[in-house]
C-alpha atoms as a PDB file:
ATOM      1  CA  MET A   1     118.080 131.569  99.401  1.00  0.00           C
ATOM      2  CA  THR A   2     115.498 128.836  99.189  1.00  0.00           C
ATOM      3  CA  VAL A   3     113.393 128.311  96.066  1.00  0.00           C
ATOM      4  CA  TRP A   4     109.910 126.818  96.282  1.00  0.00           C
ATOM      5  CA  PRO A   5     108.935 125.876  92.701  1.00  0.00           C
ATOM      6  CA  PHE A   6     105.660 124.332  93.886  1.00  0.00           C
ATOM      7  CA  ALA A   7     103.545 126.095  91.256  1.00  0.00           C
ATOM      8  CA  HIS A   8     104.467 123.109  89.071  1.00  0.00           C
ATOM      9  CA  ARG A   9     102.976 119.689  89.843  1.00  0.00           C
ATOM     10  CA  ALA A  10     105.465 117.518  87.955  1.00  0.00           C
ATOM     11  CA  LEU A  11     108.790 116.889  89.673  1.00  0.00           C
ATOM     12  CA  ALA A  12     110.678 117.414  86.400  1.00  0.00           C
ATOM     13  CA  ASP A  13     109.016 120.822  85.994  1.00  0.00           C
ATOM     14  CA  ARG A  14     109.900 121.772  89.569  1.00  0.00           C
ATOM     15  CA  ARG A  15     113.501 120.820  88.990  1.00  0.00           C
ATOM     16  CA  GLY A  16     113.523 122.747  85.713  1.00  0.00           C
ATOM     17  CA  ALA A  17     112.173 125.846  87.452  1.00  0.00           C
ATOM     18  CA  GLY A  18     114.868 125.465  90.102  1.00  0.00           C
ATOM     19  CA  ARG A  19     117.592 125.215  87.463  1.00  0.00           C
ATOM     20  CA  TRP A  20     116.209 128.270  85.667  1.00  0.00           C
ATOM     21  CA  PHE A  21     116.180 130.275  88.890  1.00  0.00           C
ATOM     22  CA  THR A  22     119.711 129.216  89.781  1.00  0.00           C
ATOM     23  CA  GLY A  23     120.934 130.147  86.290  1.00  0.00           C
ATOM     24  CA  ALA A  24     119.222 133.528  86.422  1.00  0.00           C
ATOM     25  CA  LEU A  25     121.025 134.377  89.675  1.00  0.00           C
ATOM     26  CA  GLU A  26     124.401 132.923  88.724  1.00  0.00           C
ATOM     27  CA  ARG A  27     125.926 136.304  87.801  1.00  0.00           C
ATOM     28  CA  PHE A  28     125.213 137.564  91.335  1.00  0.00           C
ATOM     29  CA  ALA A  29     127.192 134.662  92.841  1.00  0.00           C
ATOM     30  CA  PRO A  30     124.785 133.766  95.642  1.00  0.00           C
ATOM     31  CA  SER A  31     126.416 131.869  98.479  1.00  0.00           C
ATOM     32  CA  HIS A  32     123.763 129.149  98.494  1.00  0.00           C
ATOM     33  CA  ILE A  33     120.516 128.297  96.727  1.00  0.00           C
ATOM     34  CA  ASP A  34     118.416 125.438  98.082  1.00  0.00           C
ATOM     35  CA  ILE A  35     115.801 124.137  95.638  1.00  0.00           C
ATOM     36  CA  TRP A  36     112.877 122.393  97.322  1.00  0.00           C
ATOM     37  CA  ASP A  37     111.565 120.130  94.578  1.00  0.00           C
ATOM     38  CA  SER A  38     109.837 118.154  97.333  1.00  0.00           C
ATOM     39  CA  SER A  39     108.675 119.402 100.711  1.00  0.00           C
ATOM     40  CA  VAL A  40     108.568 116.006 102.378  1.00  0.00           C
ATOM     41  CA  GLY A  41     110.316 116.137 105.730  1.00  0.00           C
ATOM     42  CA  ARG A  42     110.980 119.856 105.536  1.00  0.00           C
ATOM     43  CA  GLY A  43     109.612 122.465 107.846  1.00  0.00           C
ATOM     44  CA  HIS A  44     110.527 125.790 109.334  1.00  0.00           C
ATOM     45  CA  ASP A  45     113.813 124.510 110.793  1.00  0.00           C
ATOM     46  CA  ALA A  46     115.015 123.761 107.237  1.00  0.00           C
ATOM     47  CA  LEU A  47     114.929 127.525 106.603  1.00  0.00           C
ATOM     48  CA  GLU A  48     117.332 128.322 109.426  1.00  0.00           C
ATOM     49  CA  ASP A  49     120.069 129.661 107.112  1.00  0.00           C
ATOM     50  CA  THR A  50     117.704 131.238 104.578  1.00  0.00           C
ATOM     51  CA  ASP A  51     117.237 135.000 104.148  1.00  0.00           C
ATOM     52  CA  ILE A  52     114.892 134.836 101.154  1.00  0.00           C
ATOM     53  CA  ILE A  53     112.292 132.365  99.923  1.00  0.00           C
ATOM     54  CA  ALA A  54     111.779 132.698  96.183  1.00  0.00           C
ATOM     55  CA  ILE A  55     108.459 131.411  94.873  1.00  0.00           C
ATOM     56  CA  PRO A  56     108.493 131.458  91.065  1.00  0.00           C
ATOM     57  CA  GLY A  57     105.515 131.311  88.754  1.00  0.00           C
ATOM     58  CA  GLY A  58     103.408 128.522  87.394  1.00  0.00           C
ATOM     59  CA  ASN A  59      99.907 127.476  88.354  1.00  0.00           C
ATOM     60  CA  THR A  60      98.697 129.479  91.358  1.00  0.00           C
ATOM     61  CA  PHE A  61      96.141 126.839  92.368  1.00  0.00           C
ATOM     62  CA  ASP A  62      98.755 124.049  92.284  1.00  0.00           C
ATOM     63  CA  LEU A  63     101.058 126.246  94.362  1.00  0.00           C
ATOM     64  CA  LEU A  64      98.432 126.918  97.015  1.00  0.00           C
ATOM     65  CA  ASP A  65      97.357 123.258  97.066  1.00  0.00           C
ATOM     66  CA  THR A  66     100.931 122.076  97.649  1.00  0.00           C
ATOM     67  CA  LEU A  67     101.614 124.654 100.355  1.00  0.00           C
ATOM     68  CA  GLN A  68      98.377 123.728 102.146  1.00  0.00           C
ATOM     69  CA  SER A  69      98.938 119.972 101.777  1.00  0.00           C
ATOM     70  CA  PHE A  70     102.396 120.083 103.347  1.00  0.00           C
ATOM     71  CA  GLY A  71     101.733 122.735 105.991  1.00  0.00           C
ATOM     72  CA  LEU A  72     104.053 125.196 104.305  1.00  0.00           C
ATOM     73  CA  LEU A  73     101.706 128.175 104.656  1.00  0.00           C
ATOM     74  CA  LEU A  74     102.418 128.133 108.393  1.00  0.00           C
ATOM     75  CA  THR A  75     106.124 127.681 107.664  1.00  0.00           C
ATOM     76  CA  LEU A  76     105.976 130.715 105.369  1.00  0.00           C
ATOM     77  CA  ARG A  77     104.081 132.778 107.957  1.00  0.00           C
ATOM     78  CA  ILE A  78     106.633 131.984 110.681  1.00  0.00           C
ATOM     79  CA  PHE A  79     109.483 132.782 108.285  1.00  0.00           C
ATOM     80  CA  LEU A  80     107.958 136.197 107.508  1.00  0.00           C
ATOM     81  CA  GLU A  81     107.185 136.951 111.167  1.00  0.00           C
ATOM     82  CA  GLN A  82     110.838 136.298 111.988  1.00  0.00           C
ATOM     83  CA  GLY A  83     111.982 138.877 109.434  1.00  0.00           C
ATOM     84  CA  GLY A  84     112.468 136.630 106.411  1.00  0.00           C
ATOM     85  CA  ARG A  85     111.831 138.036 102.952  1.00  0.00           C
ATOM     86  CA  VAL A  86     109.905 136.553 100.038  1.00  0.00           C
ATOM     87  CA  TYR A  87     110.294 137.109  96.316  1.00  0.00           C
ATOM     88  CA  GLY A  88     107.217 136.041  94.427  1.00  0.00           C
ATOM     89  CA  GLY A  89     107.108 135.827  90.663  1.00  0.00           C
ATOM     90  CA  SER A  90     103.707 135.473  88.999  1.00  0.00           C
ATOM     91  CA  ALA A  91     101.991 132.694  91.003  1.00  0.00           C
ATOM     92  CA  GLY A  92     104.329 133.403  93.919  1.00  0.00           C
ATOM     93  CA  ALA A  93     103.424 137.105  93.829  1.00  0.00           C
ATOM     94  CA  ILE A  94      99.707 136.326  93.696  1.00  0.00           C
ATOM     95  CA  LEU A  95     100.130 134.104  96.749  1.00  0.00           C
ATOM     96  CA  MET A  96     101.311 137.137  98.740  1.00  0.00           C
ATOM     97  CA  GLY A  97      97.956 138.919  98.243  1.00  0.00           C
ATOM     98  CA  ASN A  98      94.828 138.656 100.383  1.00  0.00           C
ATOM     99  CA  ASP A  99      93.508 135.857  98.162  1.00  0.00           C
ATOM    100  CA  ILE A 100      94.277 134.231  94.819  1.00  0.00           C
ATOM    101  CA  THR A 101      91.017 134.950  93.013  1.00  0.00           C
ATOM    102  CA  ILE A 102      92.826 137.335  90.664  1.00  0.00           C
ATOM    103  CA  SER A 103      94.473 134.281  89.078  1.00  0.00           C
ATOM    104  CA  ALA A 104      91.159 132.788  87.956  1.00  0.00           C
ATOM    105  CA  SER A 105      90.614 133.495  84.277  1.00  0.00           C
ATOM    106  CA  HIS A 106      87.133 134.425  83.165  1.00  0.00           C
ATOM    107  CA  SER A 107      86.370 134.676  79.478  1.00  0.00           C
ATOM    108  CA  LYS A 108      83.165 136.082  78.089  1.00  0.00           C
END
């Protein structure tokens, strides 16, 4: 499993989200969890041994910005086309829709 906590801008927050995710899955004894707190130098080949990409919540717009900035939307598309699976929580789930406009809050 690979975790993309990119819905958080601050590195410390990304690392915290990664630790939370790892702790939440501990009882299932996963064989390997790779936390991408930075996407620099990583592309589709870095997902070679990954069955699932987990994209936890946070700020949907920050998530999309990071994925676009580092070319990870294409990486994600290739991963899915090759049979990979994605778990999206909150911002990560919204990312899997047709667009992210649902995440915009409008108060009247």
